[in-house]
Amino acid sequence: MGSFSIWHWLIVLLVVVMIFGTKKLRNMGSDLGGAVKGFKDGMKDGSTTDTPVSPNAQVTGTPATDKSTIDVEARQKS
């Protein structure tokens, strides 16, 4: 009951081809392939960096000039 036989998949494939048509399926396949290729190229470009990644600088007690940042100080209850 959990798996389908090859005949079930062939019937599903036939119905999909009848609904969408072969030209539309071919276009969808080429679009999907182009998207995967673009993603892989983007991952390759992002992984090859010439400069080493440095850790973030330590935050000091100076106030920030950015007004969208909220400065919060935690205090213990007494």
C-alpha atoms as a PDB file:
ATOM      1  CA  MET A   1       0.000   0.000   0.000  1.00  0.00           C
ATOM      2  CA  GLY A   2       2.950   2.341   0.634  1.00  0.00           C
ATOM      3  CA  SER A   3       4.566   2.140  -2.799  1.00  0.00           C
ATOM      4  CA  PHE A   4       3.229   2.379  -6.308  1.00  0.00           C
ATOM      5  CA  SER A   5       4.057   0.014  -9.119  1.00  0.00           C
ATOM      6  CA  ILE A   6       5.562   1.073 -12.430  1.00  0.00           C
ATOM      7  CA  TRP A   7       2.096   1.007 -14.025  1.00  0.00           C
ATOM      8  CA  HIS A   8       0.799   3.602 -11.575  1.00  0.00           C
ATOM      9  CA  TRP A   9       3.705   5.929 -12.421  1.00  0.00           C
ATOM     10  CA  LEU A  10       3.203   5.435 -16.170  1.00  0.00           C
ATOM     11  CA  ILE A  11      -0.466   6.354 -15.875  1.00  0.00           C
ATOM     12  CA  VAL A  12       0.414   9.456 -13.831  1.00  0.00           C
ATOM     13  CA  LEU A  13       3.034  10.424 -16.437  1.00  0.00           C
ATOM     14  CA  LEU A  14       0.514   9.973 -19.250  1.00  0.00           C
ATOM     15  CA  VAL A  15      -2.049  12.158 -17.484  1.00  0.00           C
ATOM     16  CA  VAL A  16       0.560  14.877 -16.829  1.00  0.00           C
ATOM     17  CA  VAL A  17       1.642  14.845 -20.496  1.00  0.00           C
ATOM     18  CA  MET A  18      -1.988  15.064 -21.624  1.00  0.00           C
ATOM     19  CA  ILE A  19      -2.678  18.011 -19.301  1.00  0.00           C
ATOM     20  CA  PHE A  20       0.448  20.093 -19.880  1.00  0.00           C
ATOM     21  CA  GLY A  21       1.676  18.919 -23.279  1.00  0.00           C
ATOM     22  CA  THR A  22       5.210  18.003 -24.234  1.00  0.00           C
ATOM     23  CA  LYS A  23       6.308  21.521 -25.209  1.00  0.00           C
ATOM     24  CA  LYS A  24       5.325  23.006 -21.851  1.00  0.00           C
ATOM     25  CA  LEU A  25       7.029  20.149 -19.975  1.00  0.00           C
ATOM     26  CA  ARG A  26      10.197  20.615 -22.063  1.00  0.00           C
ATOM     27  CA  ASN A  27      10.233  24.343 -21.264  1.00  0.00           C
ATOM     28  CA  MET A  28       9.708  23.650 -17.557  1.00  0.00           C
ATOM     29  CA  GLY A  29      12.549  21.130 -17.595  1.00  0.00           C
ATOM     30  CA  SER A  30      14.967  23.525 -19.278  1.00  0.00           C
ATOM     31  CA  ASP A  31      13.996  26.312 -16.859  1.00  0.00           C
ATOM     32  CA  LEU A  32      14.583  24.001 -13.902  1.00  0.00           C
ATOM     33  CA  GLY A  33      17.940  22.890 -15.303  1.00  0.00           C
ATOM     34  CA  GLY A  34      19.016  26.503 -15.829  1.00  0.00           C
ATOM     35  CA  ALA A  35      18.014  27.383 -12.284  1.00  0.00           C
ATOM     36  CA  VAL A  36      20.007  24.471 -10.841  1.00  0.00           C
ATOM     37  CA  LYS A  37      23.041  25.399 -12.964  1.00  0.00           C
ATOM     38  CA  GLY A  38      22.812  29.028 -11.845  1.00  0.00           C
ATOM     39  CA  PHE A  39      22.561  27.933  -8.216  1.00  0.00           C
ATOM     40  CA  LYS A  40      25.630  25.712  -8.525  1.00  0.00           C
ATOM     41  CA  ASP A  41      27.605  28.518 -10.208  1.00  0.00           C
ATOM     42  CA  GLY A  42      26.579  30.892  -7.441  1.00  0.00           C
ATOM     43  CA  MET A  43      27.703  28.445  -4.786  1.00  0.00           C
ATOM     44  CA  LYS A  44      31.086  28.047  -6.503  1.00  0.00           C
ATOM     45  CA  ASP A  45      31.559  31.831  -6.699  1.00  0.00           C
ATOM     46  CA  GLY A  46      30.675  32.272  -3.041  1.00  0.00           C
ATOM     47  CA  SER A  47      32.987  29.560  -1.749  1.00  0.00           C
ATOM     48  CA  THR A  48      36.181  30.816  -3.422  1.00  0.00           C
ATOM     49  CA  THR A  49      37.288  33.866  -1.475  1.00  0.00           C
ATOM     50  CA  ASP A  50      40.795  35.299  -1.726  1.00  0.00           C
ATOM     51  CA  THR A  51      40.731  37.046   1.647  1.00  0.00           C
ATOM     52  CA  PRO A  52      40.378  35.056   4.873  1.00  0.00           C
ATOM     53  CA  VAL A  53      37.251  35.614   6.884  1.00  0.00           C
ATOM     54  CA  SER A  54      37.985  37.441  10.119  1.00  0.00           C
ATOM     55  CA  PRO A  55      35.817  37.161  13.231  1.00  0.00           C
ATOM     56  CA  ASN A  56      33.604  40.079  14.120  1.00  0.00           C
ATOM     57  CA  ALA A  57      35.211  42.898  16.049  1.00  0.00           C
ATOM     58  CA  GLN A  58      34.458  43.073  19.757  1.00  0.00           C
ATOM     59  CA  VAL A  59      31.683  45.492  20.633  1.00  0.00           C
ATOM     60  CA  THR A  60      32.923  48.393  22.726  1.00  0.00           C
ATOM     61  CA  GLY A  61      31.062  50.669  25.123  1.00  0.00           C
ATOM     62  CA  THR A  62      30.871  53.559  22.645  1.00  0.00           C
ATOM     63  CA  PRO A  63      27.370  54.508  21.533  1.00  0.00           C
ATOM     64  CA  ALA A  64      26.431  53.678  17.964  1.00  0.00           C
ATOM     65  CA  THR A  65      25.630  56.418  15.476  1.00  0.00           C
ATOM     66  CA  ASP A  66      22.885  54.337  13.851  1.00  0.00           C
ATOM     67  CA  LYS A  67      19.530  55.482  15.266  1.00  0.00           C
ATOM     68  CA  SER A  68      17.773  52.194  14.400  1.00  0.00           C
ATOM     69  CA  THR A  69      19.924  50.300  16.934  1.00  0.00           C
ATOM     70  CA  ILE A  70      18.546  49.932  20.445  1.00  0.00           C
ATOM     71  CA  ASP A  71      21.071  49.882  23.282  1.00  0.00           C
ATOM     72  CA  VAL A  72      19.939  47.602  26.087  1.00  0.00           C
ATOM     73  CA  GLU A  73      21.786  46.866  29.327  1.00  0.00           C
ATOM     74  CA  ALA A  74      20.890  43.825  31.411  1.00  0.00           C
ATOM     75  CA  ARG A  75      20.698  44.307  35.172  1.00  0.00           C
ATOM     76  CA  GLN A  76      20.072  41.881  37.979  1.00  0.00           C
ATOM     77  CA  LYS A  77      17.093  42.228  40.281  1.00  0.00           C
ATOM     78  CA  SER A  78      18.005  43.078  43.855  1.00  0.00           C
END
